[in-house]
Amino acid sequence: MISAIHWVRQGAAAQHPEKYDLNDKEYERINKLAADQLEDAKENLKEAEAMAVDQKEPTKSASTADDDDMAKYNLDSYDDEVEADKNKQIGIFSKIKNLTYYENEEEDPYITMNTDAKDDEEEQKELEILPGDNMLLSAKTEDDISHLEIYVFESKEDNLYVHHDIMLPSFPLCLEWLDFHSGSKLGQATNGNYVAIGTFDPDIEIWNLDTVDVMYPETILGYTDKSKKRSKKVNTNYHVDAIMDLSWNKNHKNFILSSSADGTVKMWDLTTSKCVQSYTHHSDKVQSVAWHPTEATVFMTGSYDKTVCVLDARSPGQVTRWQLDSDVESLRWDPHQPTNFYVALESGFVHYYDVRNKDGEQGGKPLYILQAHDGPVSAMDVNPLVPGCIATGGTDKSIKVWNTVNNKPSMVTRRNFDLGKIFCAQFCPDSAFQLAVAGSNGKMHVWDMATNAGVRQAFRHIQALAGPDPVQEKQPITILDSADHESDDDDMDNKGEAHSDDDDDDEDDDMDEE
């Protein structure tokens, strides 16, 4: 399934991405990260073994077999032998330093094939990303293996292909793009191209998208003091449960917010990779978080405690709270009316509020309520280029486009693209009517809404729709898997309650328009 997607604007990616370079400095960094992760894994293994012993004692025959194996392979004294060798390096990269290596291939007697400059030039051309191309990020899980696929979208050619991918440590829940340099490139004046990834692990990984075949993230935000055991109690320094959502501050670029299943929201300083503020104004999982688009210190949060909160990062005790009748699925500020925001709910409704409409710390009534889907509204986005245009997706497997001009919402069109339950929908930041949609069966579509008759009729005043109407609507651009994964429909609901389950019957595949 695809659990999160994110567009990267044109021109943000390096035209010629770097190849990963495992030099001495990088070796030391990843060796330390690997050792830290190994320690965490050992702690988890000890806890799991202790629980297993408590729950069930091993049978006599199994115990005898284990003793025989221990004696046969001398496993009892194995740890002692390793400890005795004080100079031996431990870790997954421990052997690298002990290998002979050469400054260039010409000096290495074991390399008999010369590198062809023409091959290097062809490889560089294959990896090239043109200034007019978009990146499209897709967090995907297949057979319990999660990875981030980095697509390149060539809008002029209607072409979508995988550029490279990144293996992830756990099931991904959210993605956030940022251009602030971190890790080894911290402090550089140029714009960067990074993605922050939240998973079921309590740490946040930040990866450099302009480096291919990279082995480890540039930065990890979370538990760093390996001299102490990681606490499982909620604290002010790091999260202790899954990362549900991320929001990067485009006005103060060194700050990023994270919301977690541990009930807290944390603000991180990317220059130090440390948490600088922890917020505890919710009483349940915090599903969504979003910085205000223009007010640099204001943000909002939505939780499973059925509330939305707006607060200033400088005054965490002053919270304006909107009480709802359902769990929050996602939040979006209206970029065309920054005082207003959308709330998508598990009940299938979308609420639209004016943040100024409040009574003290109590939020006011919505400007309108839209019944969007029969089940949870599991995906929602606001068109950044077209005022009054929003898209919603649901566990009812449909994607819908709405016209909300003058606070009078009406459905423009509805589609069932056979993507399973819709978990992701996002408008392209550079093309008014390109919408990326993905769901539970592991496929992603890029839908050109500009060729849809209903969309053209509703937004005919938009310059991008100028010209004669097309004879036929374009089919979505997609890369198909070798097999569908319909059995994954309910996996999202079994992993951290990222989206709620729904037992609705399949929709008719007819392409209805309203």
Protein backbone atom coordinates (compact mmCIF):
# COMPACT_ATOMS: atom_id res chain seq x y z
CA MET A 1 0.00 0.00 0.00
CA ILE A 2 0.96 3.65 -0.35
CA SER A 3 0.47 5.46 2.95
CA ALA A 4 1.88 8.92 2.11
CA ILE A 5 2.83 10.98 -0.95
CA HIS A 6 4.40 14.41 -1.45
CA TRP A 7 5.10 16.61 -4.47
CA VAL A 8 8.42 18.45 -4.80
CA ARG A 9 8.21 21.69 -6.78
CA GLN A 10 10.03 22.18 -10.07
CA GLY A 11 13.63 23.34 -9.80
CA ALA A 12 14.08 22.12 -6.21
CA ALA A 13 15.98 18.97 -7.15
CA ALA A 14 19.59 19.08 -8.30
CA GLN A 15 19.84 18.62 -12.05
CA HIS A 16 22.66 16.12 -11.56
CA PRO A 17 22.20 14.18 -8.28
CA GLU A 18 25.32 13.07 -6.43
CA LYS A 19 26.40 9.46 -6.13
CA TYR A 20 26.82 8.32 -2.55
CA ASP A 21 30.44 8.58 -1.35
CA LEU A 22 31.49 6.34 1.54
CA ASN A 23 34.54 8.34 2.63
CA ASP A 24 36.26 8.20 6.04
CA LYS A 25 34.01 10.86 7.58
CA GLU A 26 30.85 9.21 6.31
CA TYR A 27 32.11 5.81 7.43
CA GLU A 28 32.57 7.06 10.98
CA ARG A 29 29.10 8.63 10.99
CA ILE A 30 27.18 5.59 9.78
CA ASN A 31 29.23 3.22 11.92
CA LYS A 32 28.14 5.19 14.97
CA LEU A 33 24.51 5.20 13.80
CA ALA A 34 24.65 1.45 13.16
CA ALA A 35 26.12 0.83 16.61
CA ASP A 36 23.39 2.94 18.23
CA GLN A 37 20.68 1.07 16.35
CA LEU A 38 22.27 -2.24 17.33
CA GLU A 39 22.12 -1.26 21.00
CA ASP A 40 18.44 -0.36 20.65
CA ALA A 41 17.78 -3.68 18.93
CA LYS A 42 19.54 -5.57 21.73
CA GLU A 43 17.41 -3.82 24.35
CA ASN A 44 14.23 -4.66 22.43
CA LEU A 45 15.36 -8.28 22.05
CA LYS A 46 16.03 -8.59 25.79
CA GLU A 47 12.58 -7.24 26.59
CA ALA A 48 10.94 -9.58 24.09
CA GLU A 49 12.81 -12.57 25.48
CA ALA A 50 11.85 -11.64 29.03
CA MET A 51 8.19 -11.40 28.03
CA ALA A 52 8.38 -14.75 26.23
CA VAL A 53 9.87 -16.44 29.32
CA ASP A 54 7.14 -14.98 31.52
CA GLN A 55 4.41 -16.14 29.19
CA LYS A 56 5.65 -19.65 28.47
CA GLU A 57 8.42 -21.83 29.89
CA PRO A 58 10.40 -23.84 27.28
CA THR A 59 9.76 -27.56 27.14
CA LYS A 60 12.42 -29.97 28.36
CA SER A 61 13.15 -31.32 24.88
CA ALA A 62 13.58 -27.83 23.43
CA SER A 63 15.89 -26.86 26.30
CA THR A 64 18.02 -29.94 25.75
CA ALA A 65 18.32 -29.18 22.05
CA ASP A 66 19.40 -25.62 22.80
CA ASP A 67 22.09 -26.89 25.19
CA ASP A 68 23.40 -29.25 22.53
CA ASP A 69 23.66 -26.40 20.00
CA MET A 70 25.43 -24.19 22.54
CA ALA A 71 28.03 -26.88 23.17
CA LYS A 72 28.44 -27.81 19.51
CA TYR A 73 29.20 -24.27 18.33
CA ASN A 74 30.92 -23.11 21.54
CA LEU A 75 28.37 -20.35 21.94
CA ASP A 76 28.74 -20.18 25.73
CA SER A 77 32.22 -18.68 25.45
CA TYR A 78 31.71 -16.79 22.21
CA ASP A 79 31.00 -13.45 23.88
CA ASP A 80 34.04 -13.86 26.12
CA GLU A 81 36.28 -14.43 23.12
CA VAL A 82 34.99 -11.29 21.43
CA GLU A 83 35.44 -9.26 24.63
CA ALA A 84 39.01 -10.51 25.00
CA ASP A 85 39.97 -9.06 21.66
CA LYS A 86 40.08 -5.42 22.71
CA ASN A 87 41.27 -4.17 19.34
CA LYS A 88 38.52 -5.78 17.33
CA GLN A 89 35.91 -3.39 15.90
CA ILE A 90 32.29 -4.36 16.28
CA GLY A 91 29.59 -3.26 13.88
CA ILE A 92 28.19 -3.92 10.45
CA PHE A 93 30.99 -1.88 8.85
CA SER A 94 33.76 -3.13 11.14
CA LYS A 95 35.69 -4.90 8.37
CA ILE A 96 35.93 -1.92 6.02
CA LYS A 97 38.89 -0.30 7.79
CA ASN A 98 40.84 -3.55 7.70
CA LEU A 99 40.60 -3.87 3.93
CA THR A 100 43.28 -2.66 1.56
CA TYR A 101 41.99 0.03 -0.72
CA TYR A 102 43.48 2.15 -3.49
CA GLU A 103 43.10 5.83 -4.29
CA ASN A 104 42.14 5.03 -7.89
CA GLU A 105 41.23 2.03 -9.99
CA GLU A 106 44.49 2.10 -11.97
CA GLU A 107 46.50 1.13 -8.86
CA ASP A 108 44.18 -1.73 -7.86
CA PRO A 109 45.55 -5.03 -9.31
CA TYR A 110 42.18 -6.74 -8.92
CA ILE A 111 40.34 -4.37 -11.24
CA THR A 112 40.94 -5.42 -14.82
CA MET A 113 38.10 -3.53 -16.53
CA ASN A 114 38.73 0.16 -17.15
CA THR A 115 35.91 2.60 -16.47
CA ASP A 116 34.58 4.01 -19.69
CA ALA A 117 33.95 7.78 -19.56
CA LYS A 118 31.11 7.28 -22.01
CA ASP A 119 29.36 4.94 -19.55
CA ASP A 120 29.69 7.55 -16.81
CA GLU A 121 28.21 10.16 -19.10
CA GLU A 122 25.25 7.92 -19.97
CA GLU A 123 24.62 7.16 -16.29
CA GLN A 124 24.69 10.86 -15.46
CA LYS A 125 22.21 11.55 -18.25
CA GLU A 126 19.87 8.83 -16.95
CA LEU A 127 19.90 10.40 -13.48
CA GLU A 128 19.43 13.95 -14.78
CA ILE A 129 16.39 15.85 -13.50
CA LEU A 130 15.44 18.82 -15.67
CA PRO A 131 14.36 22.16 -14.13
CA GLY A 132 10.85 21.65 -15.52
CA ASP A 133 10.39 18.25 -13.85
CA ASN A 134 8.64 17.58 -10.56
CA MET A 135 9.64 14.98 -8.01
CA LEU A 136 6.83 12.91 -6.51
CA LEU A 137 7.57 11.00 -3.31
CA SER A 138 5.70 7.81 -2.44
CA ALA A 139 5.95 5.95 0.89
CA LYS A 140 5.17 2.34 0.06
CA THR A 141 4.91 -0.92 1.97
CA GLU A 142 4.87 -4.37 0.38
CA ASP A 143 5.08 -7.64 2.32
CA ASP A 144 6.05 -5.76 5.51
CA ILE A 145 8.99 -4.07 3.74
CA SER A 146 8.74 -0.28 3.55
CA HIS A 147 10.60 2.06 1.24
CA LEU A 148 10.39 5.55 -0.23
CA GLU A 149 10.11 5.69 -4.01
CA ILE A 150 11.32 8.93 -5.59
CA TYR A 151 9.50 9.48 -8.89
CA VAL A 152 10.22 12.05 -11.58
CA PHE A 153 7.15 13.51 -13.30
CA GLU A 154 7.67 14.97 -16.77
CA SER A 155 4.45 16.91 -17.28
CA LYS A 156 5.09 17.80 -20.93
CA GLU A 157 5.55 14.14 -21.86
CA ASP A 158 2.97 12.80 -19.37
CA ASN A 159 5.72 10.53 -18.10
CA LEU A 160 6.18 9.19 -14.55
CA TYR A 161 9.10 6.96 -13.59
CA VAL A 162 11.04 5.85 -10.51
CA HIS A 163 14.34 7.72 -10.21
CA HIS A 164 15.67 5.97 -7.09
CA ASP A 165 14.42 4.64 -3.78
CA ILE A 166 15.28 4.56 -0.07
CA MET A 167 14.74 1.70 2.37
CA LEU A 168 12.80 2.68 5.51
CA PRO A 169 13.11 1.20 9.00
CA SER A 170 9.39 0.92 9.70
CA PHE A 171 5.90 1.47 8.30
CA PRO A 172 5.76 5.11 7.04
CA LEU A 173 2.92 7.40 8.12
CA CYS A 174 3.86 10.88 6.86
CA LEU A 175 6.24 12.82 4.62
CA GLU A 176 7.32 16.46 4.69
CA TRP A 177 9.60 18.17 2.18
CA LEU A 178 12.09 20.85 3.27
CA ASP A 179 14.94 22.77 1.67
CA PHE A 180 16.95 23.43 4.84
CA HIS A 181 20.37 21.77 4.86
CA SER A 182 21.07 19.43 7.74
CA GLY A 183 23.64 16.84 8.73
CA SER A 184 26.93 17.06 6.82
CA LYS A 185 25.73 20.04 4.75
CA LEU A 186 24.43 22.09 7.67
CA GLY A 187 25.06 25.81 7.17
CA GLN A 188 25.32 25.81 3.40
CA ALA A 189 23.72 28.90 1.85
CA THR A 190 22.17 27.10 -1.12
CA ASN A 191 18.71 25.57 -1.05
CA GLY A 192 18.51 21.88 -0.26
CA ASN A 193 16.20 19.04 -1.24
CA TYR A 194 15.30 16.86 1.74
CA VAL A 195 12.42 14.78 3.03
CA ALA A 196 11.49 14.20 6.68
CA ILE A 197 9.81 10.83 7.26
CA GLY A 198 7.63 9.79 10.18
CA THR A 199 7.08 6.08 10.81
CA PHE A 200 5.84 3.75 13.54
CA ASP A 201 9.27 4.25 15.11
CA PRO A 202 9.41 7.25 17.46
CA ASP A 203 12.34 8.87 15.60
CA ILE A 204 12.18 11.17 12.55
CA GLU A 205 14.60 10.54 9.68
CA ILE A 206 15.69 13.30 7.29
CA TRP A 207 17.08 12.12 3.94
CA ASN A 208 18.91 14.01 1.19
CA LEU A 209 16.94 13.53 -2.04
CA ASP A 210 19.83 14.81 -4.18
CA THR A 211 22.02 11.79 -3.32
CA VAL A 212 21.33 8.38 -4.83
CA ASP A 213 22.22 5.01 -3.29
CA VAL A 214 22.49 6.66 0.12
CA MET A 215 22.75 4.27 3.07
CA TYR A 216 21.72 6.34 6.10
CA PRO A 217 19.72 9.54 6.68
CA GLU A 218 21.46 12.90 7.04
CA THR A 219 19.84 13.52 10.43
CA ILE A 220 17.72 11.62 12.95
CA LEU A 221 15.49 13.63 15.27
CA GLY A 222 14.72 11.75 18.47
CA TYR A 223 16.47 9.80 21.18
CA THR A 224 20.23 10.50 21.00
CA ASP A 225 21.71 10.00 24.49
CA LYS A 226 22.88 6.38 24.20
CA SER A 227 24.50 6.54 27.65
CA LYS A 228 21.02 6.16 29.13
CA LYS A 229 18.25 3.71 28.39
CA ARG A 230 15.51 5.06 26.13
CA SER A 231 12.55 6.02 28.28
CA LYS A 232 9.11 4.80 27.26
CA LYS A 233 7.41 7.48 29.30
CA VAL A 234 6.28 10.71 27.65
CA ASN A 235 9.01 13.34 28.04
CA THR A 236 10.08 16.73 26.72
CA ASN A 237 13.12 15.58 24.74
CA TYR A 238 11.84 13.03 22.24
CA HIS A 239 8.79 11.05 21.13
CA VAL A 240 8.10 7.58 22.51
CA ASP A 241 5.48 6.46 19.98
CA ALA A 242 4.69 6.63 16.26
CA ILE A 243 5.12 9.90 14.33
CA MET A 244 1.69 10.74 12.89
CA ASP A 245 2.39 14.01 11.04
CA LEU A 246 5.12 16.57 10.25
CA SER A 247 5.05 20.25 9.29
CA TRP A 248 8.04 22.34 8.20
CA ASN A 249 8.05 26.08 8.93
CA LYS A 250 8.59 27.86 5.61
CA ASN A 251 9.09 31.21 7.37
CA HIS A 252 11.59 30.04 10.00
CA LYS A 253 13.23 27.27 8.01
CA ASN A 254 15.19 25.67 10.84
CA PHE A 255 12.01 24.57 12.67
CA ILE A 256 9.85 21.51 12.06
CA LEU A 257 6.84 20.28 14.06
CA SER A 258 5.97 16.65 14.72
CA SER A 259 2.81 15.13 16.15
CA SER A 260 2.77 11.70 17.72
CA ALA A 261 0.67 8.85 19.01
CA ASP A 262 2.21 9.60 22.42
CA GLY A 263 -0.17 12.60 22.62
CA THR A 264 2.50 15.30 22.28
CA VAL A 265 3.57 17.82 19.64
CA LYS A 266 7.26 18.67 19.47
CA MET A 267 9.16 21.51 17.80
CA TRP A 268 12.65 20.63 16.55
CA ASP A 269 15.55 22.93 15.70
CA LEU A 270 17.24 21.52 12.59
CA THR A 271 20.49 23.33 13.34
CA THR A 272 20.97 21.28 16.52
CA SER A 273 18.66 18.29 15.77
CA LYS A 274 17.14 18.73 19.23
CA CYS A 275 13.64 19.27 20.55
CA VAL A 276 13.26 22.87 21.74
CA GLN A 277 9.62 22.75 22.85
CA SER A 278 7.11 20.03 23.74
CA TYR A 279 3.34 20.66 23.77
CA THR A 280 0.89 18.53 25.76
CA HIS A 281 -2.47 20.23 25.12
CA HIS A 282 -4.12 17.05 23.75
CA SER A 283 -5.27 13.99 25.69
CA ASP A 284 -4.99 11.41 22.87
CA LYS A 285 -3.03 10.67 19.69
CA VAL A 286 -2.23 13.82 17.71
CA GLN A 287 -3.07 12.95 14.12
CA SER A 288 -2.26 16.19 12.30
CA VAL A 289 -0.18 19.36 12.68
CA ALA A 290 0.28 22.39 10.39
CA TRP A 291 2.21 25.66 10.61
CA HIS A 292 0.28 28.75 9.56
CA PRO A 293 1.26 29.81 5.99
CA THR A 294 1.95 33.47 6.90
CA GLU A 295 2.02 33.82 10.71
CA ALA A 296 5.46 32.35 11.42
CA THR A 297 4.83 31.24 15.02
CA VAL A 298 1.21 30.05 14.80
CA PHE A 299 0.23 26.42 14.22
CA MET A 300 -2.75 24.11 14.63
CA THR A 301 -3.12 20.51 15.74
CA GLY A 302 -5.85 17.88 15.46
CA SER A 303 -6.30 14.86 17.68
CA TYR A 304 -8.23 11.70 18.38
CA ASP A 305 -9.55 13.51 21.47
CA LYS A 306 -11.96 15.14 18.98
CA THR A 307 -10.48 18.63 19.19
CA VAL A 308 -8.58 21.05 16.97
CA CYS A 309 -6.26 23.52 18.70
CA VAL A 310 -4.63 26.72 17.44
CA LEU A 311 -1.77 28.23 19.42
CA ASP A 312 1.31 30.42 19.22
CA ALA A 313 4.61 28.57 19.69
CA ARG A 314 5.78 31.36 21.98
CA SER A 315 2.75 31.02 24.31
CA PRO A 316 2.00 27.29 24.66
CA GLY A 317 -0.39 27.89 27.55
CA GLN A 318 -2.81 29.96 25.47
CA VAL A 319 -4.78 27.50 23.36
CA THR A 320 -7.94 28.10 21.31
CA ARG A 321 -9.87 24.84 21.10
CA TRP A 322 -12.61 23.68 18.72
CA GLN A 323 -14.65 20.73 20.01
CA LEU A 324 -15.79 18.24 17.36
CA ASP A 325 -17.98 15.14 17.31
CA SER A 326 -15.43 12.86 15.61
CA ASP A 327 -11.72 12.06 15.45
CA VAL A 328 -9.59 14.37 13.28
CA GLU A 329 -8.08 12.78 10.17
CA SER A 330 -6.26 15.78 8.68
CA LEU A 331 -5.99 19.59 8.76
CA ARG A 332 -5.29 22.19 6.06
CA TRP A 333 -4.96 25.97 6.20
CA ASP A 334 -6.63 27.75 3.28
CA PRO A 335 -3.73 29.37 1.35
CA HIS A 336 -6.16 31.77 -0.35
CA GLN A 337 -7.82 32.79 2.93
CA PRO A 338 -5.12 32.31 5.61
CA THR A 339 -7.48 33.05 8.49
CA ASN A 340 -9.51 29.95 7.60
CA PHE A 341 -8.82 26.22 7.85
CA TYR A 342 -10.31 22.84 6.86
CA VAL A 343 -10.78 19.82 9.13
CA ALA A 344 -11.38 16.32 7.71
CA LEU A 345 -13.09 13.93 10.10
CA GLU A 346 -13.46 10.21 10.62
CA SER A 347 -17.23 10.65 10.40
CA GLY A 348 -16.99 11.54 6.69
CA PHE A 349 -17.49 15.30 7.13
CA VAL A 350 -15.26 18.27 6.31
CA HIS A 351 -15.58 21.43 8.45
CA TYR A 352 -14.44 24.91 7.40
CA TYR A 353 -13.62 27.43 10.15
CA ASP A 354 -12.56 31.04 10.54
CA VAL A 355 -9.86 31.14 13.25
CA ARG A 356 -11.02 34.62 14.27
CA ASN A 357 -14.49 33.33 15.10
CA LYS A 358 -14.01 32.40 18.76
CA ASP A 359 -15.10 33.24 22.28
CA GLY A 360 -12.00 33.47 24.44
CA GLU A 361 -10.33 30.07 24.28
CA GLN A 362 -13.43 28.41 22.79
CA GLY A 363 -13.55 28.14 18.99
CA GLY A 364 -16.69 29.22 17.14
CA LYS A 365 -19.02 27.43 14.75
CA PRO A 366 -17.91 26.33 11.28
CA LEU A 367 -18.63 28.51 8.25
CA TYR A 368 -19.99 25.38 6.59
CA ILE A 369 -20.06 21.60 6.99
CA LEU A 370 -19.59 19.32 3.99
CA GLN A 371 -20.64 15.67 3.98
CA ALA A 372 -17.83 14.40 1.78
CA HIS A 373 -17.83 10.58 2.07
CA ASP A 374 -19.81 7.71 3.52
CA GLY A 375 -16.79 6.64 5.58
CA PRO A 376 -13.75 8.47 7.01
CA VAL A 377 -12.22 11.30 4.96
CA SER A 378 -8.81 9.66 4.83
CA ALA A 379 -7.26 12.15 2.36
CA MET A 380 -7.76 15.86 1.73
CA ASP A 381 -5.91 18.69 0.00
CA VAL A 382 -6.52 22.31 -0.94
CA ASN A 383 -5.51 23.47 -4.42
CA PRO A 384 -2.68 26.01 -3.92
CA LEU A 385 -3.29 27.64 -7.32
CA VAL A 386 -7.10 27.62 -7.66
CA PRO A 387 -9.20 29.30 -4.94
CA GLY A 388 -12.23 27.28 -3.89
CA CYS A 389 -10.96 23.96 -5.25
CA ILE A 390 -10.39 21.08 -2.84
CA ALA A 391 -10.08 17.31 -3.21
CA THR A 392 -11.12 14.61 -0.75
CA GLY A 393 -10.56 10.85 -0.70
CA GLY A 394 -12.19 8.26 1.50
CA THR A 395 -12.18 4.68 2.64
CA ASP A 396 -15.21 4.33 0.35
CA LYS A 397 -12.54 4.18 -2.42
CA SER A 398 -13.66 7.36 -4.18
CA ILE A 399 -11.83 10.61 -4.90
CA LYS A 400 -13.97 13.76 -5.16
CA VAL A 401 -13.33 17.31 -6.33
CA TRP A 402 -15.30 20.17 -4.76
CA ASN A 403 -16.05 23.81 -5.59
CA THR A 404 -16.27 25.79 -2.32
CA VAL A 405 -16.48 29.34 -3.71
CA ASN A 406 -18.55 31.73 -1.53
CA ASN A 407 -18.64 29.04 1.20
CA LYS A 408 -21.23 27.09 -0.80
CA PRO A 409 -19.59 23.72 -1.43
CA SER A 410 -20.76 21.58 -4.35
CA MET A 411 -19.29 18.39 -5.79
CA VAL A 412 -17.68 18.89 -9.18
CA THR A 413 -16.82 15.29 -10.02
CA ARG A 414 -16.24 11.88 -8.43
CA ARG A 415 -13.96 9.05 -9.50
CA ASN A 416 -13.14 5.52 -8.48
CA PHE A 417 -9.73 4.77 -9.98
CA ASP A 418 -9.49 1.25 -8.53
CA LEU A 419 -6.83 2.34 -6.03
CA GLY A 420 -8.51 0.71 -3.04
CA LYS A 421 -9.11 2.90 -0.02
CA ILE A 422 -7.76 6.37 -0.73
CA PHE A 423 -5.03 7.31 1.75
CA CYS A 424 -3.31 10.16 -0.12
CA ALA A 425 -4.30 13.04 -2.41
CA GLN A 426 -2.19 16.10 -3.20
CA PHE A 427 -2.29 18.83 -5.85
CA CYS A 428 0.88 19.57 -7.80
CA PRO A 429 2.39 22.91 -6.67
CA ASP A 430 3.29 23.87 -10.26
CA SER A 431 0.27 22.71 -12.26
CA ALA A 432 -3.21 23.86 -11.26
CA PHE A 433 -5.07 20.68 -12.14
CA GLN A 434 -2.60 17.82 -11.68
CA LEU A 435 -3.69 15.70 -8.71
CA ALA A 436 -1.71 12.74 -7.34
CA VAL A 437 -3.83 10.02 -5.72
CA ALA A 438 -2.79 6.75 -4.04
CA GLY A 439 -4.31 4.13 -1.81
CA SER A 440 -4.35 0.71 -0.26
CA ASN A 441 -3.59 -1.40 -3.33
CA GLY A 442 -0.13 0.10 -3.87
CA LYS A 443 -0.79 2.05 -7.06
CA MET A 444 -0.53 5.80 -7.62
CA HIS A 445 -2.26 7.93 -10.25
CA VAL A 446 -1.51 11.42 -11.53
CA TRP A 447 -4.85 12.71 -12.73
CA ASP A 448 -5.03 15.63 -15.18
CA MET A 449 -8.31 17.19 -14.00
CA ALA A 450 -8.09 19.90 -16.67
CA THR A 451 -9.49 17.43 -19.22
CA ASN A 452 -12.54 16.60 -17.06
CA ALA A 453 -15.76 18.24 -18.28
CA GLY A 454 -17.09 18.91 -14.79
CA VAL A 455 -13.86 20.56 -13.66
CA ARG A 456 -13.70 22.71 -16.80
CA GLN A 457 -17.25 23.86 -16.26
CA ALA A 458 -16.82 24.68 -12.55
CA PHE A 459 -13.47 26.48 -12.92
CA ARG A 460 -13.77 27.84 -16.46
CA HIS A 461 -12.59 31.27 -15.23
CA ILE A 462 -9.09 29.87 -14.51
CA GLN A 463 -6.50 30.73 -17.16
CA ALA A 464 -5.10 27.18 -17.16
CA LEU A 465 -8.42 25.98 -18.65
CA ALA A 466 -8.44 28.49 -21.52
CA GLY A 467 -9.01 27.09 -24.97
CA PRO A 468 -11.48 24.62 -26.50
CA ASP A 469 -12.76 21.74 -24.42
CA PRO A 470 -10.99 18.42 -25.05
CA VAL A 471 -12.91 15.75 -26.91
CA GLN A 472 -12.08 13.09 -24.35
CA GLU A 473 -10.80 13.06 -20.77
CA LYS A 474 -7.22 11.86 -20.31
CA GLN A 475 -6.60 8.61 -18.50
CA PRO A 476 -4.52 8.98 -15.31
CA ILE A 477 -0.76 8.52 -15.55
CA THR A 478 0.41 5.60 -13.47
CA ILE A 479 3.02 2.91 -12.91
CA LEU A 480 1.33 -0.40 -12.26
CA ASP A 481 2.55 -3.07 -9.86
CA SER A 482 2.97 -6.64 -11.04
CA ALA A 483 0.02 -7.62 -8.84
CA ASP A 484 -2.73 -5.83 -6.97
CA HIS A 485 -2.71 -5.82 -3.19
CA GLU A 486 -6.37 -5.69 -2.30
CA SER A 487 -5.64 -7.79 0.78
CA ASP A 488 -3.82 -4.76 2.20
CA ASP A 489 -7.04 -2.73 2.47
CA ASP A 490 -7.26 -3.11 6.22
CA ASP A 491 -3.53 -3.03 7.04
CA MET A 492 -3.57 0.71 7.59
CA ASP A 493 -6.21 0.31 10.27
CA ASN A 494 -4.27 -2.43 12.07
CA LYS A 495 -1.09 -0.34 12.30
CA GLY A 496 -1.47 2.48 14.78
CA GLU A 497 -5.00 3.54 13.77
CA ALA A 498 -3.63 5.77 11.04
CA HIS A 499 -7.06 5.56 9.37
CA SER A 500 -10.24 3.99 10.60
CA ASP A 501 -11.78 0.90 9.06
CA ASP A 502 -14.89 0.98 6.97
CA ASP A 503 -17.04 -1.87 5.69
CA ASP A 504 -18.76 -0.06 2.83
CA ASP A 505 -19.46 -2.01 -0.32
CA ASP A 506 -17.39 -1.22 -3.41
CA GLU A 507 -18.57 1.74 -5.40
CA ASP A 508 -19.79 1.40 -8.93
CA ASP A 509 -16.86 2.04 -11.28
CA ASP A 510 -18.94 4.30 -13.50
CA MET A 511 -17.36 7.72 -13.90
CA ASP A 512 -20.15 9.94 -12.62
CA GLU A 513 -20.07 13.71 -12.96
CA GLU A 514 -22.07 16.35 -11.20
